[in-house]
Amino acid sequence: MANRYYSASLGQDKTLVAETASTTAGASVEVRITYDATGMTKQEALKLLEQIEYRIVEDTFPPV
C-alpha cells in the first residue's frame, strides 16, 4: 500500500501543509491517504475528508 501523509499545525496556511511519505511528529492534524487503495481517486479522498469534517462539526469537540 502506498500512503501519503498530509500534516498541518495551528496557525499555518495551506502553503505550509506538509505532504510526506511518513508520519510527522508534532503536527496538530495529520491525515493518511492510501492512494493506491481500490477505487481511491482524488474525488473520493475529498468526499471522505468531507465526511470527517461533518463528524467533527456534529460531534462534541474535543472528544471525551
Protein backbone atom coordinates (compact mmCIF):
# COMPACT_ATOMS: atom_id res chain seq x y z
CA MET A 1 0.00 0.00 0.00
CA ALA A 2 1.22 3.45 -0.86
CA ASN A 3 0.46 6.08 1.77
CA ARG A 4 0.78 9.85 1.74
CA TYR A 5 0.52 11.89 4.92
CA TYR A 6 -0.79 15.45 4.99
CA SER A 7 0.17 17.36 8.14
CA ALA A 8 -0.71 20.80 9.41
CA SER A 9 -0.03 22.78 12.55
CA LEU A 10 -2.04 25.52 14.21
CA GLY A 11 -1.60 28.96 12.69
CA GLN A 12 -0.23 27.94 9.31
CA ASP A 13 -1.74 28.44 5.86
CA LYS A 14 -2.12 25.93 3.01
CA THR A 15 1.34 26.63 1.62
CA LEU A 16 2.88 25.08 4.75
CA VAL A 17 0.84 21.85 4.76
CA ALA A 18 3.36 19.02 4.53
CA GLU A 19 2.87 16.10 2.14
CA THR A 20 5.22 13.30 3.19
CA ALA A 21 5.74 9.55 2.93
CA SER A 22 5.74 9.07 6.72
CA THR A 23 4.08 10.48 9.80
CA THR A 24 5.13 13.89 11.13
CA ALA A 25 5.73 14.20 14.87
CA GLY A 26 4.17 17.25 16.48
CA ALA A 27 1.59 18.03 13.79
CA SER A 28 -1.73 19.37 15.11
CA VAL A 29 -3.65 17.44 12.43
CA GLU A 30 -2.46 14.62 10.23
CA VAL A 31 -4.33 12.61 7.60
CA ARG A 32 -3.10 9.42 5.93
CA ILE A 33 -4.40 8.63 2.45
CA THR A 34 -3.74 5.23 0.91
CA TYR A 35 -3.81 6.41 -2.67
CA ASP A 36 -3.49 3.00 -4.30
CA ALA A 37 -6.49 1.53 -2.45
CA THR A 38 -9.08 0.04 -4.79
CA GLY A 39 -11.39 2.80 -6.02
CA MET A 40 -9.42 5.66 -4.46
CA THR A 41 -9.44 8.81 -6.56
CA LYS A 42 -8.83 12.44 -5.73
CA GLN A 43 -12.59 12.98 -5.70
CA GLU A 44 -13.15 10.04 -3.32
CA ALA A 45 -10.44 11.31 -0.99
CA LEU A 46 -12.12 14.73 -0.89
CA LYS A 47 -15.51 13.13 -0.15
CA LEU A 48 -14.01 11.14 2.71
CA LEU A 49 -12.36 14.26 4.16
CA GLU A 50 -15.75 15.99 3.97
CA GLN A 51 -17.29 13.14 5.98
CA ILE A 52 -14.60 13.60 8.63
CA GLU A 53 -15.35 17.32 8.69
CA TYR A 54 -19.07 16.64 9.22
CA ARG A 55 -18.30 14.24 12.06
CA ILE A 56 -16.21 16.89 13.84
CA VAL A 57 -18.90 19.56 13.29
CA GLU A 58 -21.74 17.35 14.53
CA ASP A 59 -19.95 15.72 17.47
CA THR A 60 -18.65 17.02 20.76
CA PHE A 61 -15.22 18.59 20.38
CA PRO A 62 -12.80 17.80 21.78
CA PRO A 63 -13.83 14.15 22.02
CA VAL A 64 -14.14 12.70 25.51
